[in-house]
Amino acid sequence: MRPAAPPFHPGRRTILAGGLATGGLWASGLAARATAPETLPQPASVISTPPRQWGADAPVEVLPDPDIIALDPTFSDLVYGNANLKLAWRGGDWLEGPAWNSEGHFLLLSDTIRAVQYRYLWENGAVSVFRGYSYNSNGNIFDAEGRLISCEHGMRRVVRWEHDGSCHVLADSYNGAPLNSPNDVAVHPDGSIWFTDPGYGDTIVEGHPDAPGSPTNRDGLERWTLDGEVVTQFGGHKRQEDHVFRLDPATGALTAVLSQQQLKDPNGIAFSPDGARVYVISSGAGPGQHGQGGDLHIHAGDVRDGAVHDLRPFADMMLNGHQMGPDGMTIDIFGNLWCGANGPLGLCGVVVYNPQGHMIGRLRLPRGVSNLTFGGPKRDVLFMCAADALFTLQVNTQGAAPS
């Protein structure tokens, strides 16, 4: 999921990448303050004294963890005071779409740049390649039957992997035109599949660019190749309007439940535990777009009869005077939203909202989080993707399944 960065920083990748070095931190909050414009309010440093280190060789951390911050007393009920934020793995390129598999006891991850899916084993934390070529998959989810649903930037489609290993294409076009780059996906309790379709993957890095003359390939210089050969079947794709889509569980019919006019640049999507409410993130302008793009807010709508009603702002993602950039989110059994927050060092990481839209807590990390989910045998471990790294936190709540 690749929204534009908040105004504080020049680019989203810059926000997320300025983080970890082996065994420690690459950039300190003092350095960030020294190079930031003096006219802007400066956030508190994420660096503790002495500087916090991450990884297997890191010293024993203090408890309670100073980077688990309660903004409301209710947040203390959701976290476990004897748990630290941990760096579980580094080795990807740009990690997205974490999805917990309850039967296999593993976490599945997408690497949108390498076009690989990884499997993180619960028993020992080992990471291996799950799918060697994933067509730049992004969002993933396991449905109620344990089938993997993936959003593929490269093929501009949403697919479901059946129990027999076959691949079923759920959606690849709308109104006769190819999809843009399906991004995030959620399964409603009624079995319908909802996904967002912005244009963040319409690039040579994370998918394939538009046809010549289109927004991400205006001069026609970029060509889609695979192992050095031009793949002609990808020709002619042009970005269409962004939508939020719903796939009917009975007929498979694809319906646009939100248009670009209703919500610009849709990104992360999630349902309340009972499915009565849908949350959608409006991110910044995508590749090739002109103008501001989305408002960087989380929006909420009521779900009735397969449609969205009363779409409204839910959370503005403002933190200490800074507009944070939301990306993906996940929901616990109490209806709290845990949302990846991208922005200045010291503020980035994860923010948590209660069902009333009040920010009750946050997790401070050395880089922003693209997407996150709950997993583990009890679904009480939060997994957070941040550029090439995976962080974890034992919590005192559970994720609403499927996640």
Protein backbone atom coordinates (compact mmCIF):
# COMPACT_ATOMS: atom_id res chain seq x y z
CA MET A 1 0.00 0.00 0.00
CA ARG A 2 1.73 3.06 -1.14
CA PRO A 3 0.10 6.38 -0.23
CA ALA A 4 1.91 9.67 -0.59
CA ALA A 5 3.66 10.96 2.50
CA PRO A 6 2.28 13.62 4.81
CA PRO A 7 3.62 17.11 4.07
CA PHE A 8 6.39 16.84 6.70
CA HIS A 9 8.50 14.51 4.57
CA PRO A 10 9.25 14.41 0.82
CA GLY A 11 8.19 10.81 0.22
CA ARG A 12 6.58 7.84 1.91
CA ARG A 13 9.51 5.55 1.28
CA THR A 14 11.76 8.11 2.96
CA ILE A 15 9.47 8.08 5.99
CA LEU A 16 9.54 4.31 6.36
CA ALA A 17 13.12 3.60 5.32
CA GLY A 18 14.90 5.89 7.78
CA GLY A 19 15.00 3.34 10.53
CA LEU A 20 16.98 0.28 11.46
CA ALA A 21 20.60 -0.61 11.05
CA THR A 22 21.96 -3.97 12.15
CA GLY A 23 21.72 -4.15 15.92
CA GLY A 24 20.61 -0.56 16.34
CA LEU A 25 19.08 2.56 14.85
CA TRP A 26 20.25 4.21 11.68
CA ALA A 27 19.11 7.75 12.42
CA SER A 28 18.51 9.47 15.74
CA GLY A 29 15.78 11.87 16.67
CA LEU A 30 18.44 14.52 17.29
CA ALA A 31 19.56 14.22 13.68
CA ALA A 32 15.98 14.46 12.50
CA ARG A 33 15.48 17.65 14.48
CA ALA A 34 18.71 19.14 13.14
CA THR A 35 17.73 18.68 9.50
CA ALA A 36 14.00 19.46 9.72
CA PRO A 37 12.70 22.95 8.92
CA GLU A 38 12.84 25.06 12.06
CA THR A 39 9.46 26.60 11.29
CA LEU A 40 7.66 23.31 11.91
CA PRO A 41 6.93 21.92 15.38
CA GLN A 42 9.35 19.12 16.10
CA PRO A 43 8.20 15.75 17.49
CA ALA A 44 9.75 14.10 20.49
CA SER A 45 12.58 11.75 19.60
CA VAL A 46 11.92 8.04 19.26
CA ILE A 47 15.42 7.45 20.58
CA SER A 48 15.62 6.69 24.27
CA THR A 49 18.72 7.27 26.38
CA PRO A 50 20.77 5.21 25.83
CA PRO A 51 19.59 4.61 22.24
CA ARG A 52 17.32 1.61 21.89
CA GLN A 53 18.69 -1.31 19.91
CA TRP A 54 16.74 -3.98 18.08
CA GLY A 55 17.26 -7.59 17.16
CA ALA A 56 18.67 -10.77 18.66
CA ASP A 57 21.80 -9.04 19.98
CA ALA A 58 19.93 -6.19 21.64
CA PRO A 59 20.32 -5.81 25.40
CA VAL A 60 17.48 -6.69 27.75
CA GLU A 61 14.82 -4.00 27.47
CA VAL A 62 13.28 -2.16 30.39
CA LEU A 63 9.71 -2.77 31.49
CA PRO A 64 7.23 -1.31 30.97
CA ASP A 65 8.27 -0.54 27.40
CA PRO A 66 8.60 3.27 27.03
CA ASP A 67 7.56 3.03 23.38
CA ILE A 68 4.13 1.63 24.30
CA ILE A 69 2.29 4.85 25.08
CA ALA A 70 -1.16 5.07 26.65
CA LEU A 71 -3.08 8.21 25.72
CA ASP A 72 -6.21 7.01 27.52
CA PRO A 73 -6.52 4.70 30.56
CA THR A 74 -8.50 2.20 28.49
CA PHE A 75 -5.45 1.46 26.34
CA SER A 76 -3.71 -0.11 29.33
CA ASP A 77 -6.34 -2.86 29.28
CA LEU A 78 -5.34 -3.79 25.71
CA VAL A 79 -1.60 -4.16 26.21
CA TYR A 80 0.42 -6.52 28.39
CA GLY A 81 2.74 -4.70 30.75
CA ASN A 82 5.41 -7.43 30.65
CA ALA A 83 5.79 -7.35 26.85
CA ASN A 84 8.26 -5.43 24.71
CA LEU A 85 8.09 -4.39 21.11
CA LYS A 86 10.35 -6.80 19.22
CA LEU A 87 12.07 -6.92 15.86
CA ALA A 88 11.06 -10.38 14.63
CA TRP A 89 12.70 -10.44 11.19
CA ARG A 90 14.47 -8.36 8.59
CA GLY A 91 15.15 -9.50 5.06
CA GLY A 92 12.36 -8.37 2.79
CA ASP A 93 12.29 -5.32 0.59
CA TRP A 94 8.86 -3.79 1.10
CA LEU A 95 6.59 -5.94 3.28
CA GLU A 96 2.81 -5.69 3.10
CA GLY A 97 -0.35 -7.74 3.53
CA PRO A 98 0.31 -9.80 6.69
CA ALA A 99 -2.32 -12.53 7.08
CA TRP A 100 -2.51 -15.16 9.80
CA ASN A 101 -3.22 -18.78 8.86
CA SER A 102 -4.96 -20.46 11.81
CA GLU A 103 -4.57 -24.01 10.52
CA GLY A 104 -0.92 -23.80 9.54
CA HIS A 105 0.14 -21.53 12.43
CA PHE A 106 2.06 -19.20 10.13
CA LEU A 107 1.99 -15.59 9.04
CA LEU A 108 1.96 -14.89 5.31
CA LEU A 109 3.64 -11.73 4.03
CA SER A 110 3.81 -10.03 0.65
CA ASP A 111 6.99 -8.40 -0.62
CA THR A 112 5.57 -6.06 -3.23
CA ILE A 113 8.95 -5.17 -4.77
CA ARG A 114 10.49 -8.64 -4.94
CA ALA A 115 7.12 -10.14 -5.96
CA VAL A 116 7.54 -12.89 -3.37
CA GLN A 117 5.32 -14.15 -0.56
CA TYR A 118 7.01 -15.25 2.67
CA ARG A 119 5.91 -17.58 5.46
CA TYR A 120 6.82 -16.78 9.08
CA LEU A 121 6.49 -19.88 11.29
CA TRP A 122 5.02 -19.39 14.73
CA GLU A 123 6.95 -22.24 16.36
CA ASN A 124 10.45 -20.92 15.75
CA GLY A 125 10.20 -17.61 13.88
CA ALA A 126 11.78 -19.09 10.76
CA VAL A 127 11.01 -17.31 7.48
CA SER A 128 10.92 -19.05 4.11
CA VAL A 129 9.58 -18.38 0.64
CA PHE A 130 5.91 -19.33 0.39
CA ARG A 131 5.33 -18.36 -3.24
CA GLY A 132 8.35 -17.68 -5.44
CA TYR A 133 6.57 -15.29 -7.76
CA SER A 134 3.44 -13.54 -6.55
CA TYR A 135 2.87 -10.96 -9.30
CA ASN A 136 3.65 -8.18 -6.81
CA SER A 137 0.93 -9.22 -4.39
CA ASN A 138 -0.05 -6.71 -1.74
CA GLY A 139 -3.05 -7.31 0.52
CA ASN A 140 -3.84 -10.86 1.68
CA ILE A 141 -6.48 -12.49 3.84
CA PHE A 142 -7.59 -16.02 4.68
CA ASP A 143 -11.34 -16.40 4.42
CA ALA A 144 -13.58 -18.35 6.81
CA GLU A 145 -12.74 -21.56 4.92
CA GLY A 146 -9.00 -20.99 5.18
CA ARG A 147 -8.50 -20.06 1.52
CA LEU A 148 -5.95 -17.41 0.69
CA ILE A 149 -7.21 -14.29 -1.10
CA SER A 150 -4.52 -12.04 -2.59
CA CYS A 151 -4.46 -8.68 -4.34
CA GLU A 152 -1.97 -8.72 -7.22
CA HIS A 153 -0.56 -5.46 -8.54
CA GLY A 154 1.30 -7.14 -11.38
CA MET A 155 -1.73 -8.88 -12.89
CA ARG A 156 -4.15 -6.21 -11.66
CA ARG A 157 -6.49 -8.76 -10.17
CA VAL A 158 -7.81 -10.40 -7.00
CA VAL A 159 -7.33 -14.16 -6.77
CA ARG A 160 -8.29 -16.96 -4.40
CA TRP A 161 -6.14 -20.03 -3.90
CA GLU A 162 -8.38 -23.07 -3.46
CA HIS A 163 -7.66 -26.02 -1.18
CA ASP A 164 -6.59 -28.14 -4.16
CA GLY A 165 -3.90 -25.58 -5.07
CA SER A 166 -5.72 -24.08 -8.03
CA CYS A 167 -5.96 -20.34 -8.54
CA HIS A 168 -9.38 -18.78 -9.05
CA VAL A 169 -9.50 -15.25 -10.48
CA LEU A 170 -12.18 -13.37 -8.54
CA ALA A 171 -11.88 -10.01 -10.30
CA ASP A 172 -9.64 -8.46 -12.93
CA SER A 173 -11.82 -5.85 -14.66
CA TYR A 174 -14.73 -3.50 -14.12
CA ASN A 175 -17.01 -2.11 -16.80
CA GLY A 176 -14.82 -3.69 -19.47
CA ALA A 177 -11.59 -2.04 -18.26
CA PRO A 178 -8.73 -3.64 -16.30
CA LEU A 179 -8.50 -2.92 -12.60
CA ASN A 180 -5.81 -0.50 -11.39
CA SER A 181 -3.84 -2.32 -8.69
CA PRO A 182 -5.99 -4.07 -6.07
CA ASN A 183 -4.48 -3.10 -2.76
CA ASP A 184 -6.16 -4.22 0.45
CA VAL A 185 -8.87 -6.80 1.03
CA ALA A 186 -11.35 -7.68 3.80
CA VAL A 187 -13.94 -10.42 4.19
CA HIS A 188 -17.37 -9.44 5.52
CA PRO A 189 -19.20 -11.81 7.90
CA ASP A 190 -21.74 -12.46 5.10
CA GLY A 191 -18.92 -13.96 2.99
CA SER A 192 -18.59 -11.07 0.56
CA ILE A 193 -15.08 -9.91 -0.35
CA TRP A 194 -14.35 -6.19 -0.34
CA PHE A 195 -11.19 -4.63 -1.78
CA THR A 196 -9.74 -1.25 -2.66
CA ASP A 197 -8.39 -0.45 -6.11
CA PRO A 198 -6.15 2.64 -6.14
CA GLY A 199 -3.21 3.07 -8.50
CA TYR A 200 -0.30 2.73 -6.10
CA GLY A 201 0.94 -0.42 -7.83
CA ASP A 202 0.80 0.99 -11.36
CA THR A 203 4.58 1.32 -11.49
CA ILE A 204 7.45 -0.71 -12.86
CA VAL A 205 8.68 -1.33 -9.29
CA GLU A 206 5.54 -2.81 -7.77
CA GLY A 207 3.50 -4.04 -10.71
CA HIS A 208 3.45 -2.79 -14.25
CA PRO A 209 2.99 0.75 -15.56
CA ASP A 210 0.06 2.05 -17.52
CA ALA A 211 0.00 2.01 -21.30
CA PRO A 212 1.94 4.79 -23.05
CA GLY A 213 0.30 8.16 -22.59
CA SER A 214 -1.38 7.11 -19.34
CA PRO A 215 -0.69 8.67 -15.92
CA THR A 216 2.27 6.55 -14.79
CA ASN A 217 3.81 6.22 -18.27
CA ARG A 218 3.01 9.51 -19.99
CA ASP A 219 6.04 9.40 -22.31
CA GLY A 220 5.70 5.69 -23.05
CA LEU A 221 9.25 4.89 -22.02
CA GLU A 222 8.47 2.11 -19.55
CA ARG A 223 7.73 -1.38 -20.86
CA TRP A 224 6.49 -4.43 -19.00
CA THR A 225 9.07 -7.20 -19.25
CA LEU A 226 9.51 -10.60 -17.66
CA ASP A 227 12.99 -12.16 -17.86
CA GLY A 228 13.93 -9.70 -20.58
CA GLU A 229 10.98 -10.39 -22.85
CA VAL A 230 8.12 -7.96 -23.37
CA VAL A 231 4.86 -9.50 -22.18
CA THR A 232 2.38 -8.25 -24.74
CA GLN A 233 -0.80 -9.33 -22.94
CA PHE A 234 -0.25 -6.53 -20.42
CA GLY A 235 -0.48 -3.87 -23.12
CA GLY A 236 -3.25 -1.29 -23.23
CA HIS A 237 -3.93 -1.01 -19.51
CA LYS A 238 -4.90 2.47 -18.43
CA ARG A 239 -5.76 3.65 -14.97
CA GLN A 240 -9.46 4.04 -14.41
CA GLU A 241 -11.29 5.70 -11.55
CA ASP A 242 -10.44 4.40 -8.09
CA HIS A 243 -13.14 2.34 -6.37
CA VAL A 244 -13.93 0.24 -3.37
CA PHE A 245 -15.44 -3.00 -4.66
CA ARG A 246 -17.61 -5.78 -3.28
CA LEU A 247 -17.69 -9.34 -4.60
CA ASP A 248 -21.02 -11.07 -3.97
CA PRO A 249 -20.52 -14.41 -2.18
CA ALA A 250 -23.31 -16.15 -4.11
CA THR A 251 -22.93 -14.84 -7.66
CA GLY A 252 -19.40 -13.44 -7.73
CA ALA A 253 -20.78 -10.21 -9.17
CA LEU A 254 -18.49 -7.20 -8.76
CA THR A 255 -20.12 -4.01 -7.48
CA ALA A 256 -18.53 -0.62 -6.83
CA VAL A 257 -19.66 0.35 -3.33
CA LEU A 258 -17.62 3.58 -3.20
CA SER A 259 -16.41 5.77 -6.05
CA GLN A 260 -13.48 8.18 -6.30
CA GLN A 261 -15.95 11.03 -5.84
CA GLN A 262 -17.16 9.54 -2.56
CA LEU A 263 -13.70 8.66 -1.21
CA LYS A 264 -10.45 9.60 -2.92
CA ASP A 265 -7.55 7.18 -3.17
CA PRO A 266 -8.91 4.31 -1.04
CA ASN A 267 -6.25 2.22 0.65
CA GLY A 268 -6.68 0.15 3.82
CA ILE A 269 -10.06 -1.47 4.51
CA ALA A 270 -11.49 -3.29 7.53
CA PHE A 271 -14.81 -4.21 9.12
CA SER A 272 -16.06 -3.85 12.66
CA PRO A 273 -16.30 -7.28 14.35
CA ASP A 274 -20.04 -7.53 13.63
CA GLY A 275 -19.68 -6.30 10.04
CA ALA A 276 -22.07 -3.42 10.61
CA ARG A 277 -19.42 -0.81 9.86
CA VAL A 278 -16.70 -0.56 7.23
CA TYR A 279 -13.58 1.54 7.65
CA VAL A 280 -11.63 2.80 4.64
CA ILE A 281 -8.44 4.86 4.59
CA SER A 282 -8.12 7.74 2.12
CA SER A 283 -4.43 8.09 1.25
CA GLY A 284 -2.43 10.63 -0.70
CA ALA A 285 -2.13 10.96 -4.44
CA GLY A 286 -0.96 7.86 -6.27
CA PRO A 287 1.66 7.58 -9.03
CA GLY A 288 0.93 9.86 -11.96
CA GLN A 289 -1.88 11.69 -10.18
CA HIS A 290 -1.99 15.46 -10.02
CA GLY A 291 -3.34 17.32 -7.03
CA GLN A 292 -3.66 16.49 -3.38
CA GLY A 293 -5.21 13.05 -3.58
CA GLY A 294 -6.98 11.74 -0.50
CA ASP A 295 -7.33 13.51 2.82
CA LEU A 296 -5.16 11.06 4.86
CA HIS A 297 -8.11 10.32 7.13
CA ILE A 298 -9.94 7.15 8.15
CA HIS A 299 -13.57 7.10 7.06
CA ALA A 300 -16.44 4.97 8.36
CA GLY A 301 -19.68 3.87 6.76
CA ASP A 302 -22.63 1.71 7.77
CA VAL A 303 -23.03 -1.57 5.87
CA ARG A 304 -26.57 -2.58 4.94
CA ASP A 305 -27.71 -4.84 2.13
CA GLY A 306 -24.24 -4.98 0.60
CA ALA A 307 -23.94 -1.21 0.32
CA VAL A 308 -22.26 1.62 2.24
CA HIS A 309 -24.48 4.22 3.89
CA ASP A 310 -23.69 7.44 5.75
CA LEU A 311 -19.99 7.57 4.85
CA ARG A 312 -18.35 9.97 7.31
CA PRO A 313 -14.96 10.98 8.72
CA PHE A 314 -13.84 8.74 11.58
CA ALA A 315 -10.32 9.85 12.49
CA ASP A 316 -8.12 12.63 11.10
CA MET A 317 -4.77 10.95 11.96
CA MET A 318 -3.40 14.11 13.57
CA LEU A 319 -0.74 13.54 16.19
CA ASN A 320 1.11 16.30 18.08
CA GLY A 321 0.23 18.79 15.37
CA HIS A 322 1.40 16.56 12.52
CA GLN A 323 -0.72 14.99 9.82
CA MET A 324 0.21 11.32 9.89
CA GLY A 325 -0.18 9.09 6.85
CA PRO A 326 -2.40 6.04 7.44
CA ASP A 327 -1.92 2.93 5.34
CA GLY A 328 -3.36 -0.35 6.62
CA MET A 329 -5.31 -1.25 9.74
CA THR A 330 -6.62 -4.18 11.72
CA ILE A 331 -9.39 -4.48 14.32
CA ASP A 332 -9.54 -6.26 17.65
CA ILE A 333 -12.53 -8.05 19.14
CA PHE A 334 -13.58 -4.90 21.03
CA GLY A 335 -13.77 -2.89 17.82
CA ASN A 336 -10.58 -0.85 18.35
CA LEU A 337 -8.66 0.13 15.20
CA TRP A 338 -4.90 -0.44 15.16
CA CYS A 339 -3.58 1.65 12.28
CA GLY A 340 -0.16 2.01 10.69
CA ALA A 341 1.08 5.59 11.04
CA ASN A 342 3.70 7.09 8.74
CA GLY A 343 5.31 10.40 9.55
CA PRO A 344 8.17 12.03 11.46
CA LEU A 345 10.59 10.00 13.52
CA GLY A 346 9.23 9.99 17.02
CA LEU A 347 5.61 9.84 15.95
CA CYS A 348 5.58 7.03 13.41
CA GLY A 349 4.57 3.46 14.22
CA VAL A 350 1.02 2.46 15.16
CA VAL A 351 -1.89 4.51 16.52
CA VAL A 352 -4.98 2.97 18.14
CA TYR A 353 -8.52 4.36 18.02
CA ASN A 354 -11.52 3.17 20.01
CA PRO A 355 -14.85 2.63 18.17
CA GLN A 356 -15.81 6.24 18.91
CA GLY A 357 -12.82 7.56 16.95
CA HIS A 358 -10.76 8.63 19.98
CA MET A 359 -7.01 7.94 19.84
CA ILE A 360 -6.30 5.94 22.99
CA GLY A 361 -2.72 4.78 22.49
CA ARG A 362 0.21 4.36 20.18
CA LEU A 363 3.27 2.21 19.56
CA ARG A 364 6.42 4.19 18.81
CA LEU A 365 8.73 2.57 16.26
CA PRO A 366 11.81 3.80 14.37
CA ARG A 367 9.86 3.77 11.10
CA GLY A 368 6.29 3.87 9.87
CA VAL A 369 4.11 0.79 9.52
CA SER A 370 2.53 -0.14 6.21
CA ASN A 371 0.16 -2.86 7.40
CA LEU A 372 -0.50 -5.01 10.43
CA THR A 373 -2.61 -7.87 11.72
CA PHE A 374 -3.18 -10.04 14.77
CA GLY A 375 -1.91 -13.60 14.81
CA GLY A 376 -0.57 -16.42 16.92
CA PRO A 377 -2.61 -19.40 18.18
CA LYS A 378 -4.70 -17.05 20.34
CA ARG A 379 -4.63 -14.14 17.85
CA ASP A 380 -3.09 -12.06 20.64
CA VAL A 381 0.16 -11.04 18.93
CA LEU A 382 0.29 -7.92 16.79
CA PHE A 383 2.42 -8.30 13.63
CA MET A 384 3.58 -5.03 12.04
CA CYS A 385 5.20 -4.64 8.62
CA ALA A 386 7.64 -1.73 8.29
CA ALA A 387 9.64 -1.56 5.04
CA ASP A 388 11.99 -4.59 5.16
CA ALA A 389 11.23 -5.47 8.79
CA LEU A 390 8.58 -7.30 10.78
CA PHE A 391 7.87 -6.19 14.37
CA THR A 392 5.73 -8.00 16.96
CA LEU A 393 4.01 -7.20 20.24
CA GLN A 394 2.21 -9.48 22.68
CA VAL A 395 -1.09 -7.78 23.56
CA ASN A 396 -3.97 -8.31 25.96
CA THR A 397 -6.68 -8.43 23.30
CA GLN A 398 -7.40 -10.57 20.25
CA GLY A 399 -7.84 -9.86 16.59
CA ALA A 400 -11.30 -10.13 15.07
CA ALA A 401 -11.14 -13.10 12.66
CA PRO A 402 -10.57 -13.45 9.81
CA SER A 403 -7.68 -10.96 9.78
